[in-house]
């Protein structure tokens, strides 16, 4: 039975988090992994090369050393394990999942707010305050997205939840209640 990417990412991230959290190195490990994620996202050919059957092992080993150069032993071990188990394509998702676990432990919630127009500073402050209460967080980091195709309202994505207060969703709910 093959595992999906989300399951793989979760398992690796949980194991890594348990290790780094016990050592108190969450923030440092996350900083290293964020840099590696950026490199992999900006250079997708690295993963393709590491998974390719046409490239010899010596070249792949050199590429792995370059990728993990200057990183802690924990991060180097993660990269090598992902390579050995042919999970390099899952590494960005593992890092994303790890970041979620670190943020959760620190009481940080990342939220994406989609509106038709940019929110004022006052609206952002009120929304942040409401989200801090809702998620019992120490800090909420908002990212604003302006979507001019949105009819109105707001869509919030946070903690693997979508809070859809858009006008289109409200109209669809009214339409459904009329049909019944």
N, C-alpha and C. Protein backbone atom coordinates (compact mmCIF):
# COMPACT_ATOMS: atom_id res chain seq x y z
N UNK A 1 0.84 -1.17 0.00
CA UNK A 1 0.00 0.00 0.00
C UNK A 1 0.89 1.25 0.00
N UNK A 2 0.71 2.08 -0.99
CA UNK A 2 1.50 3.30 -1.11
C UNK A 2 0.93 4.39 -0.21
N UNK A 3 1.82 5.16 0.38
CA UNK A 3 1.41 6.26 1.25
C UNK A 3 1.33 7.54 0.44
N UNK A 4 0.37 8.39 0.77
CA UNK A 4 0.28 9.66 0.06
C UNK A 4 1.28 10.65 0.67
N UNK A 5 1.53 11.74 -0.05
CA UNK A 5 2.54 12.71 0.36
C UNK A 5 2.23 13.31 1.73
N UNK A 6 0.97 13.59 2.01
CA UNK A 6 0.62 14.20 3.30
C UNK A 6 0.96 13.27 4.46
N UNK A 7 0.70 11.99 4.30
CA UNK A 7 0.99 11.01 5.35
C UNK A 7 2.50 10.89 5.57
N UNK A 8 3.23 10.82 4.47
CA UNK A 8 4.69 10.72 4.56
C UNK A 8 5.25 11.97 5.25
N UNK A 9 4.81 13.14 4.80
CA UNK A 9 5.30 14.40 5.37
C UNK A 9 5.01 14.47 6.86
N UNK A 10 3.82 14.08 7.24
CA UNK A 10 3.42 14.13 8.66
C UNK A 10 4.31 13.21 9.50
N UNK A 11 4.54 11.99 9.04
CA UNK A 11 5.35 11.03 9.80
C UNK A 11 6.78 11.52 10.01
N UNK A 12 7.40 11.98 8.93
CA UNK A 12 8.77 12.47 9.04
C UNK A 12 8.82 13.71 9.92
N UNK A 13 7.88 14.62 9.73
CA UNK A 13 7.88 15.87 10.49
C UNK A 13 7.67 15.61 11.98
N UNK A 14 6.78 14.71 12.32
CA UNK A 14 6.52 14.40 13.73
C UNK A 14 7.78 13.81 14.37
N UNK A 15 8.43 12.89 13.66
CA UNK A 15 9.65 12.28 14.20
C UNK A 15 10.74 13.35 14.40
N UNK A 16 10.90 14.21 13.42
CA UNK A 16 11.90 15.28 13.52
C UNK A 16 11.55 16.24 14.65
N UNK A 17 10.27 16.61 14.73
CA UNK A 17 9.84 17.55 15.77
C UNK A 17 10.08 16.98 17.17
N UNK A 18 9.75 15.71 17.37
CA UNK A 18 9.97 15.10 18.68
C UNK A 18 11.44 15.15 19.07
N UNK A 19 12.30 14.95 18.09
CA UNK A 19 13.74 14.99 18.36
C UNK A 19 14.21 16.41 18.67
N UNK A 20 13.86 17.36 17.83
CA UNK A 20 14.36 18.74 18.01
C UNK A 20 13.69 19.44 19.19
N UNK A 21 12.44 19.12 19.44
CA UNK A 21 11.74 19.77 20.55
C UNK A 21 12.37 19.35 21.88
N UNK A 22 12.70 18.07 21.98
CA UNK A 22 13.36 17.58 23.20
C UNK A 22 14.72 18.23 23.38
N UNK A 23 15.40 18.54 22.29
CA UNK A 23 16.73 19.16 22.35
C UNK A 23 16.65 20.68 22.45
N UNK A 24 15.44 21.23 22.25
CA UNK A 24 15.27 22.68 22.29
C UNK A 24 15.85 23.40 21.08
N UNK A 25 15.90 22.70 19.95
CA UNK A 25 16.49 23.28 18.74
C UNK A 25 15.47 23.51 17.63
N UNK A 26 14.21 23.66 18.00
CA UNK A 26 13.15 23.84 16.99
C UNK A 26 13.43 25.02 16.06
N UNK A 27 13.70 26.17 16.63
CA UNK A 27 13.86 27.39 15.83
C UNK A 27 15.06 27.30 14.90
N UNK A 28 16.18 26.81 15.41
CA UNK A 28 17.39 26.70 14.59
C UNK A 28 17.18 25.69 13.46
N UNK A 29 16.57 24.56 13.78
CA UNK A 29 16.31 23.54 12.77
C UNK A 29 15.35 24.08 11.71
N UNK A 30 14.32 24.78 12.14
CA UNK A 30 13.37 25.35 11.20
C UNK A 30 14.03 26.36 10.28
N UNK A 31 14.93 27.16 10.81
CA UNK A 31 15.64 28.14 9.98
C UNK A 31 16.47 27.44 8.89
N UNK A 32 17.17 26.39 9.27
CA UNK A 32 17.97 25.62 8.30
C UNK A 32 17.07 24.99 7.24
N UNK A 33 15.98 24.38 7.70
CA UNK A 33 15.08 23.70 6.77
C UNK A 33 14.37 24.69 5.84
N UNK A 34 14.07 25.87 6.34
CA UNK A 34 13.43 26.89 5.49
C UNK A 34 14.35 27.30 4.35
N UNK A 35 15.63 27.40 4.64
CA UNK A 35 16.60 27.73 3.59
C UNK A 35 16.67 26.61 2.56
N UNK A 36 16.68 25.38 3.03
CA UNK A 36 16.73 24.24 2.12
C UNK A 36 15.46 24.17 1.28
N UNK A 37 14.30 24.44 1.89
CA UNK A 37 13.05 24.44 1.14
C UNK A 37 13.11 25.47 0.02
N UNK A 38 13.62 26.66 0.33
CA UNK A 38 13.72 27.71 -0.69
C UNK A 38 14.61 27.26 -1.86
N UNK A 39 15.73 26.63 -1.53
CA UNK A 39 16.63 26.13 -2.57
C UNK A 39 15.92 25.11 -3.44
N UNK A 40 15.20 24.19 -2.82
CA UNK A 40 14.50 23.13 -3.58
C UNK A 40 13.35 23.69 -4.41
N UNK A 41 12.64 24.67 -3.87
CA UNK A 41 11.52 25.26 -4.61
C UNK A 41 12.03 26.07 -5.80
N UNK A 42 13.12 26.81 -5.59
CA UNK A 42 13.67 27.64 -6.66
C UNK A 42 14.43 26.81 -7.70
N UNK A 43 14.86 25.61 -7.31
CA UNK A 43 15.64 24.74 -8.21
C UNK A 43 15.05 23.33 -8.22
N UNK A 44 13.89 23.14 -8.84
CA UNK A 44 13.26 21.82 -8.83
C UNK A 44 14.08 20.73 -9.51
N UNK A 45 15.05 21.13 -10.32
CA UNK A 45 15.90 20.14 -10.98
C UNK A 45 16.79 19.39 -10.00
N UNK A 46 17.02 19.94 -8.83
CA UNK A 46 17.82 19.24 -7.82
C UNK A 46 17.15 17.93 -7.44
N UNK A 47 15.86 18.00 -7.16
CA UNK A 47 15.13 16.78 -6.78
C UNK A 47 15.09 15.81 -7.94
N UNK A 48 14.85 16.33 -9.14
CA UNK A 48 14.82 15.46 -10.33
C UNK A 48 16.16 14.75 -10.51
N UNK A 49 17.25 15.48 -10.31
CA UNK A 49 18.58 14.89 -10.45
C UNK A 49 18.81 13.80 -9.41
N UNK A 50 18.39 14.06 -8.17
CA UNK A 50 18.59 13.08 -7.11
C UNK A 50 17.75 11.82 -7.29
N UNK A 51 16.65 11.94 -8.03
CA UNK A 51 15.79 10.79 -8.27
C UNK A 51 16.08 10.09 -9.60
N UNK A 52 16.88 10.73 -10.43
CA UNK A 52 17.17 10.22 -11.77
C UNK A 52 18.01 8.95 -11.74
N UNK A 53 17.67 8.02 -12.62
CA UNK A 53 18.45 6.80 -12.76
C UNK A 53 19.64 7.02 -13.69
N UNK A 54 19.64 8.12 -14.42
CA UNK A 54 20.69 8.41 -15.39
C UNK A 54 21.92 9.08 -14.77
N UNK A 55 21.79 9.56 -13.55
CA UNK A 55 22.89 10.25 -12.90
C UNK A 55 23.56 9.29 -11.92
N UNK A 56 24.90 9.25 -11.97
CA UNK A 56 25.63 8.30 -11.14
C UNK A 56 25.58 8.70 -9.65
N UNK A 57 25.83 7.73 -8.79
CA UNK A 57 25.74 7.92 -7.34
C UNK A 57 26.76 8.93 -6.83
N UNK A 58 27.92 8.98 -7.44
CA UNK A 58 28.95 9.93 -6.99
C UNK A 58 28.44 11.36 -7.17
N UNK A 59 27.84 11.65 -8.29
CA UNK A 59 27.31 12.99 -8.54
C UNK A 59 26.17 13.30 -7.58
N UNK A 60 25.33 12.32 -7.32
CA UNK A 60 24.22 12.52 -6.39
C UNK A 60 24.75 12.78 -4.97
N UNK A 61 25.78 12.05 -4.58
CA UNK A 61 26.38 12.24 -3.26
C UNK A 61 26.96 13.64 -3.13
N UNK A 62 27.62 14.12 -4.18
CA UNK A 62 28.17 15.48 -4.17
C UNK A 62 27.04 16.51 -4.05
N UNK A 63 25.95 16.28 -4.76
CA UNK A 63 24.80 17.19 -4.70
C UNK A 63 24.19 17.20 -3.30
N UNK A 64 24.09 16.04 -2.67
CA UNK A 64 23.58 15.96 -1.30
C UNK A 64 24.49 16.70 -0.34
N UNK A 65 25.80 16.57 -0.52
CA UNK A 65 26.75 17.28 0.36
C UNK A 65 26.61 18.78 0.18
N UNK A 66 26.43 19.24 -1.05
CA UNK A 66 26.25 20.68 -1.28
C UNK A 66 24.96 21.17 -0.64
N UNK A 67 23.90 20.36 -0.73
CA UNK A 67 22.61 20.75 -0.17
C UNK A 67 22.66 20.82 1.36
N UNK A 68 23.41 19.92 1.97
CA UNK A 68 23.46 19.89 3.44
C UNK A 68 24.69 20.58 4.02
N UNK A 69 25.47 21.22 3.18
CA UNK A 69 26.69 21.90 3.65
C UNK A 69 26.34 22.98 4.68
N UNK A 70 26.96 22.89 5.85
CA UNK A 70 26.77 23.88 6.90
C UNK A 70 25.54 23.66 7.76
N UNK A 71 24.83 22.58 7.54
CA UNK A 71 23.63 22.31 8.35
C UNK A 71 23.99 21.46 9.57
N UNK A 72 23.09 21.45 10.52
CA UNK A 72 23.29 20.63 11.72
C UNK A 72 23.21 19.15 11.36
N UNK A 73 23.66 18.32 12.27
CA UNK A 73 23.64 16.87 12.03
C UNK A 73 22.21 16.36 11.84
N UNK A 74 21.27 16.92 12.57
CA UNK A 74 19.87 16.49 12.46
C UNK A 74 19.35 16.76 11.05
N UNK A 75 19.62 17.94 10.52
CA UNK A 75 19.14 18.29 9.18
C UNK A 75 19.86 17.46 8.12
N UNK A 76 21.15 17.27 8.29
CA UNK A 76 21.91 16.43 7.36
C UNK A 76 21.35 15.01 7.36
N UNK A 77 21.04 14.49 8.54
CA UNK A 77 20.46 13.14 8.64
C UNK A 77 19.11 13.08 7.94
N UNK A 78 18.29 14.11 8.10
CA UNK A 78 16.98 14.13 7.44
C UNK A 78 17.14 14.10 5.93
N UNK A 79 18.03 14.93 5.41
CA UNK A 79 18.26 14.96 3.96
C UNK A 79 18.75 13.61 3.46
N UNK A 80 19.70 13.02 4.17
CA UNK A 80 20.22 11.72 3.76
C UNK A 80 19.17 10.62 3.84
N UNK A 81 18.35 10.68 4.89
CA UNK A 81 17.29 9.68 5.03
C UNK A 81 16.26 9.84 3.92
N UNK A 82 15.89 11.07 3.62
CA UNK A 82 14.93 11.30 2.53
C UNK A 82 15.49 10.78 1.22
N UNK A 83 16.79 10.95 1.01
CA UNK A 83 17.42 10.43 -0.21
C UNK A 83 17.44 8.90 -0.20
N UNK A 84 17.91 8.32 0.91
CA UNK A 84 18.03 6.86 0.99
C UNK A 84 16.69 6.15 0.79
N UNK A 85 15.61 6.75 1.29
CA UNK A 85 14.30 6.13 1.17
C UNK A 85 13.51 6.66 -0.03
N UNK A 86 14.20 7.36 -0.93
CA UNK A 86 13.61 7.90 -2.16
C UNK A 86 12.39 8.77 -1.85
N UNK A 87 12.59 9.68 -0.89
CA UNK A 87 11.53 10.61 -0.47
C UNK A 87 11.93 12.06 -0.72
N UNK A 88 12.92 12.31 -1.56
CA UNK A 88 13.38 13.68 -1.79
C UNK A 88 12.25 14.58 -2.31
N UNK A 89 11.36 14.02 -3.13
CA UNK A 89 10.25 14.82 -3.65
C UNK A 89 9.28 15.24 -2.53
N UNK A 90 9.35 14.55 -1.40
CA UNK A 90 8.50 14.86 -0.25
C UNK A 90 9.14 15.86 0.71
N UNK A 91 10.40 16.18 0.52
CA UNK A 91 11.13 17.02 1.47
C UNK A 91 10.49 18.40 1.68
N UNK A 92 10.07 19.13 0.63
CA UNK A 92 9.40 20.41 0.90
C UNK A 92 8.13 20.26 1.75
N UNK A 93 7.35 19.21 1.50
CA UNK A 93 6.13 18.97 2.29
C UNK A 93 6.48 18.59 3.73
N UNK A 94 7.55 17.85 3.91
CA UNK A 94 8.00 17.49 5.26
C UNK A 94 8.38 18.76 6.02
N UNK A 95 9.09 19.65 5.35
CA UNK A 95 9.50 20.90 5.99
C UNK A 95 8.28 21.76 6.32
N UNK A 96 7.30 21.82 5.42
CA UNK A 96 6.08 22.57 5.70
C UNK A 96 5.35 22.01 6.92
N UNK A 97 5.27 20.71 6.99
CA UNK A 97 4.59 20.06 8.12
C UNK A 97 5.36 20.29 9.42
N UNK A 98 6.68 20.24 9.34
CA UNK A 98 7.52 20.51 10.51
C UNK A 98 7.29 21.94 10.99
N UNK A 99 7.22 22.88 10.06
CA UNK A 99 6.97 24.28 10.43
C UNK A 99 5.63 24.42 11.14
N UNK A 100 4.63 23.70 10.68
CA UNK A 100 3.32 23.73 11.32
C UNK A 100 3.42 23.23 12.76
N UNK A 101 4.16 22.17 12.98
CA UNK A 101 4.32 21.61 14.34
C UNK A 101 5.08 22.58 15.25
N UNK A 102 6.13 23.19 14.73
CA UNK A 102 6.91 24.15 15.52
C UNK A 102 6.03 25.35 15.89
N UNK A 103 5.29 25.85 14.90
CA UNK A 103 4.41 26.99 15.16
C UNK A 103 3.33 26.65 16.18
N UNK A 104 2.77 25.47 16.07
CA UNK A 104 1.72 25.05 17.01
C UNK A 104 2.27 25.00 18.43
N UNK A 105 3.47 24.45 18.58
CA UNK A 105 4.08 24.37 19.90
C UNK A 105 4.35 25.76 20.47
N UNK A 106 4.64 26.71 19.59
CA UNK A 106 4.93 28.08 20.03
C UNK A 106 3.66 28.93 20.13
N UNK A 107 2.52 28.36 19.77
CA UNK A 107 1.26 29.11 19.82
C UNK A 107 1.13 30.12 18.70
N UNK A 108 1.74 29.82 17.55
CA UNK A 108 1.69 30.72 16.40
C UNK A 108 0.77 30.13 15.34
N UNK A 109 -0.12 30.97 14.83
CA UNK A 109 -1.03 30.55 13.77
C UNK A 109 -0.77 31.44 12.56
N UNK A 110 -0.53 30.78 11.41
CA UNK A 110 -0.42 31.51 10.15
C UNK A 110 -1.79 31.49 9.49
N UNK A 111 -2.26 32.66 9.09
CA UNK A 111 -3.58 32.76 8.48
C UNK A 111 -3.49 33.54 7.18
N UNK A 112 -4.21 33.06 6.19
CA UNK A 112 -4.30 33.77 4.90
C UNK A 112 -5.70 34.34 4.80
N UNK A 113 -5.78 35.64 4.58
CA UNK A 113 -7.05 36.36 4.51
C UNK A 113 -7.25 36.81 3.06
N UNK A 114 -8.33 36.36 2.45
CA UNK A 114 -8.63 36.76 1.08
C UNK A 114 -9.84 37.69 1.08
N UNK A 115 -9.66 38.87 0.50
CA UNK A 115 -10.72 39.86 0.39
C UNK A 115 -10.68 40.47 -1.00
N UNK A 116 -11.73 41.22 -1.33
CA UNK A 116 -11.79 41.86 -2.64
C UNK A 116 -10.98 43.16 -2.67
N UNK A 117 -10.81 43.79 -1.51
CA UNK A 117 -10.00 45.01 -1.39
C UNK A 117 -9.07 44.84 -0.19
N UNK A 118 -7.95 45.54 -0.17
CA UNK A 118 -7.06 45.44 0.99
C UNK A 118 -7.75 45.91 2.27
N UNK A 119 -7.44 45.26 3.38
CA UNK A 119 -8.01 45.63 4.67
C UNK A 119 -7.24 46.80 5.26
N UNK A 120 -7.94 47.63 6.02
CA UNK A 120 -7.29 48.73 6.72
C UNK A 120 -6.52 48.17 7.91
N UNK A 121 -5.64 48.98 8.47
CA UNK A 121 -4.87 48.55 9.64
C UNK A 121 -5.79 48.20 10.80
N UNK A 122 -6.86 48.97 10.96
CA UNK A 122 -7.83 48.71 12.03
C UNK A 122 -8.53 47.37 11.81
N UNK A 123 -8.92 47.08 10.58
CA UNK A 123 -9.58 45.81 10.28
C UNK A 123 -8.63 44.64 10.51
N UNK A 124 -7.38 44.81 10.12
CA UNK A 124 -6.38 43.76 10.33
C UNK A 124 -6.20 43.51 11.83
N UNK A 125 -6.12 44.57 12.62
CA UNK A 125 -5.96 44.43 14.07
C UNK A 125 -7.15 43.70 14.69
N UNK A 126 -8.37 44.09 14.29
CA UNK A 126 -9.57 43.43 14.84
C UNK A 126 -9.61 41.96 14.44
N UNK A 127 -9.31 41.68 13.19
CA UNK A 127 -9.33 40.31 12.70
C UNK A 127 -8.26 39.47 13.41
N UNK A 128 -7.10 40.03 13.59
CA UNK A 128 -6.02 39.33 14.30
C UNK A 128 -6.45 39.01 15.72
N UNK A 129 -7.06 39.98 16.39
CA UNK A 129 -7.54 39.78 17.76
C UNK A 129 -8.57 38.65 17.82
N UNK A 130 -9.49 38.62 16.88
CA UNK A 130 -10.51 37.58 16.84
C UNK A 130 -9.89 36.20 16.60
N UNK A 131 -8.91 36.15 15.71
CA UNK A 131 -8.27 34.87 15.42
C UNK A 131 -7.42 34.38 16.59
N UNK A 132 -6.79 35.29 17.32
CA UNK A 132 -6.03 34.91 18.52
C UNK A 132 -6.98 34.24 19.52
N UNK A 133 -8.16 34.82 19.70
CA UNK A 133 -9.14 34.23 20.62
C UNK A 133 -9.65 32.89 20.09
N UNK A 134 -10.01 32.84 18.82
CA UNK A 134 -10.59 31.63 18.24
C UNK A 134 -9.63 30.44 18.33
N UNK A 135 -8.36 30.68 18.01
CA UNK A 135 -7.39 29.59 17.99
C UNK A 135 -6.56 29.50 19.26
N UNK A 136 -6.87 30.35 20.26
CA UNK A 136 -6.14 30.36 21.53
C UNK A 136 -4.63 30.41 21.26
N UNK A 137 -4.25 31.35 20.40
CA UNK A 137 -2.86 31.48 19.97
C UNK A 137 -2.16 32.60 20.71
N UNK A 138 -0.86 32.51 20.75
CA UNK A 138 -0.04 33.59 21.28
C UNK A 138 0.15 34.68 20.23
N UNK A 139 0.19 34.24 18.98
CA UNK A 139 0.43 35.16 17.87
C UNK A 139 -0.26 34.65 16.61
N UNK A 140 -0.84 35.56 15.85
CA UNK A 140 -1.41 35.23 14.55
C UNK A 140 -0.68 36.06 13.51
N UNK A 141 -0.13 35.37 12.51
CA UNK A 141 0.56 36.07 11.43
C UNK A 141 -0.34 36.03 10.20
N UNK A 142 -0.77 37.22 9.79
CA UNK A 142 -1.71 37.33 8.67
C UNK A 142 -0.98 37.59 7.37
N UNK A 143 -1.47 36.94 6.34
CA UNK A 143 -1.05 37.22 4.97
C UNK A 143 -2.31 37.64 4.23
N UNK A 144 -2.29 38.84 3.66
CA UNK A 144 -3.46 39.32 2.94
C UNK A 144 -3.34 38.99 1.46
N UNK A 145 -4.45 38.50 0.90
CA UNK A 145 -4.54 38.24 -0.53
C UNK A 145 -5.74 39.01 -1.04
N UNK A 146 -5.52 39.78 -2.10
CA UNK A 146 -6.62 40.52 -2.71
C UNK A 146 -7.04 39.75 -3.96
N UNK A 147 -8.32 39.35 -3.99
CA UNK A 147 -8.88 38.63 -5.13
C UNK A 147 -10.06 39.43 -5.67
N UNK A 148 -9.82 40.11 -6.76
CA UNK A 148 -10.85 40.99 -7.32
C UNK A 148 -12.04 40.22 -7.89
N UNK A 149 -11.89 38.89 -8.07
CA UNK A 149 -13.00 38.08 -8.54
C UNK A 149 -13.97 37.72 -7.42
N UNK A 150 -13.56 37.93 -6.20
CA UNK A 150 -14.42 37.68 -5.05
C UNK A 150 -15.51 38.75 -5.03
N UNK A 151 -16.74 38.35 -4.85
CA UNK A 151 -17.84 39.32 -4.86
C UNK A 151 -17.81 40.23 -3.65
N UNK A 152 -17.42 39.70 -2.54
CA UNK A 152 -17.38 40.45 -1.29
C UNK A 152 -17.16 39.49 -0.14
N UNK A 153 -16.99 40.03 1.04
CA UNK A 153 -16.78 39.19 2.23
C UNK A 153 -15.32 38.85 2.41
N UNK A 154 -15.09 37.80 3.17
CA UNK A 154 -13.72 37.42 3.50
C UNK A 154 -13.62 35.89 3.59
N UNK A 155 -12.47 35.35 3.16
CA UNK A 155 -12.18 33.93 3.30
C UNK A 155 -10.89 33.83 4.12
N UNK A 156 -10.94 33.05 5.19
CA UNK A 156 -9.79 32.90 6.08
C UNK A 156 -9.35 31.44 6.05
N UNK A 157 -8.06 31.23 5.80
CA UNK A 157 -7.48 29.89 5.85
C UNK A 157 -6.47 29.88 6.98
N UNK A 158 -6.73 29.05 8.00
CA UNK A 158 -5.83 28.96 9.15
C UNK A 158 -6.02 27.61 9.83
N UNK A 159 -4.93 27.04 10.34
CA UNK A 159 -4.99 25.77 11.07
C UNK A 159 -5.74 24.68 10.32
N UNK A 160 -5.46 24.54 9.05
CA UNK A 160 -6.11 23.53 8.20
C UNK A 160 -7.62 23.69 8.16
N UNK A 161 -8.10 24.90 8.34
CA UNK A 161 -9.52 25.20 8.27
C UNK A 161 -9.74 26.34 7.29
N UNK A 162 -10.90 26.34 6.67
CA UNK A 162 -11.29 27.45 5.82
C UNK A 162 -12.57 28.02 6.38
N UNK A 163 -12.51 29.30 6.75
CA UNK A 163 -13.69 30.01 7.23
C UNK A 163 -14.15 30.89 6.07
N UNK A 164 -15.23 30.48 5.43
CA UNK A 164 -15.67 31.15 4.21
C UNK A 164 -16.85 32.06 4.50
N UNK A 165 -16.57 33.35 4.59
CA UNK A 165 -17.60 34.35 4.79
C UNK A 165 -17.79 35.18 3.53
N UNK A 166 -17.53 34.55 2.38
CA UNK A 166 -17.65 35.29 1.12
C UNK A 166 -19.10 35.42 0.73
N UNK A 167 -19.37 36.44 -0.02
CA UNK A 167 -20.72 36.71 -0.50
C UNK A 167 -21.21 35.57 -1.40
N UNK A 168 -20.33 35.01 -2.21
CA UNK A 168 -20.72 33.90 -3.10
C UNK A 168 -21.20 32.70 -2.29
N UNK A 169 -20.55 32.38 -1.20
CA UNK A 169 -20.95 31.26 -0.35
C UNK A 169 -22.29 31.55 0.33
N UNK A 170 -22.46 32.78 0.78
CA UNK A 170 -23.73 33.15 1.42
C UNK A 170 -24.88 33.07 0.42
N UNK A 171 -24.65 33.52 -0.81
CA UNK A 171 -25.68 33.43 -1.85
C UNK A 171 -26.00 31.98 -2.18
N UNK A 172 -25.00 31.13 -2.22
CA UNK A 172 -25.22 29.71 -2.49
C UNK A 172 -26.04 29.07 -1.38
N UNK A 173 -25.80 29.46 -0.13
CA UNK A 173 -26.57 28.93 1.01
C UNK A 173 -28.02 29.37 0.91
N UNK A 174 -28.24 30.63 0.53
CA UNK A 174 -29.62 31.13 0.36
C UNK A 174 -30.31 30.37 -0.77
N UNK A 175 -29.59 30.16 -1.86
CA UNK A 175 -30.14 29.43 -2.99
C UNK A 175 -30.56 28.02 -2.57
N UNK A 176 -29.71 27.34 -1.78
CA UNK A 176 -30.02 25.99 -1.32
C UNK A 176 -31.23 25.98 -0.40
N UNK A 177 -31.36 27.00 0.46
CA UNK A 177 -32.49 27.02 1.37
C UNK A 177 -33.80 27.28 0.63
N UNK A 178 -33.75 28.02 -0.46
CA UNK A 178 -34.92 28.26 -1.28
C UNK A 178 -35.34 27.00 -2.01
N UNK A 179 -34.39 26.23 -2.50
CA UNK A 179 -34.67 25.00 -3.25
C UNK A 179 -35.32 23.96 -2.36
N UNK A 180 -34.95 23.89 -1.12
CA UNK A 180 -35.49 22.89 -0.19
C UNK A 180 -36.90 23.24 0.09
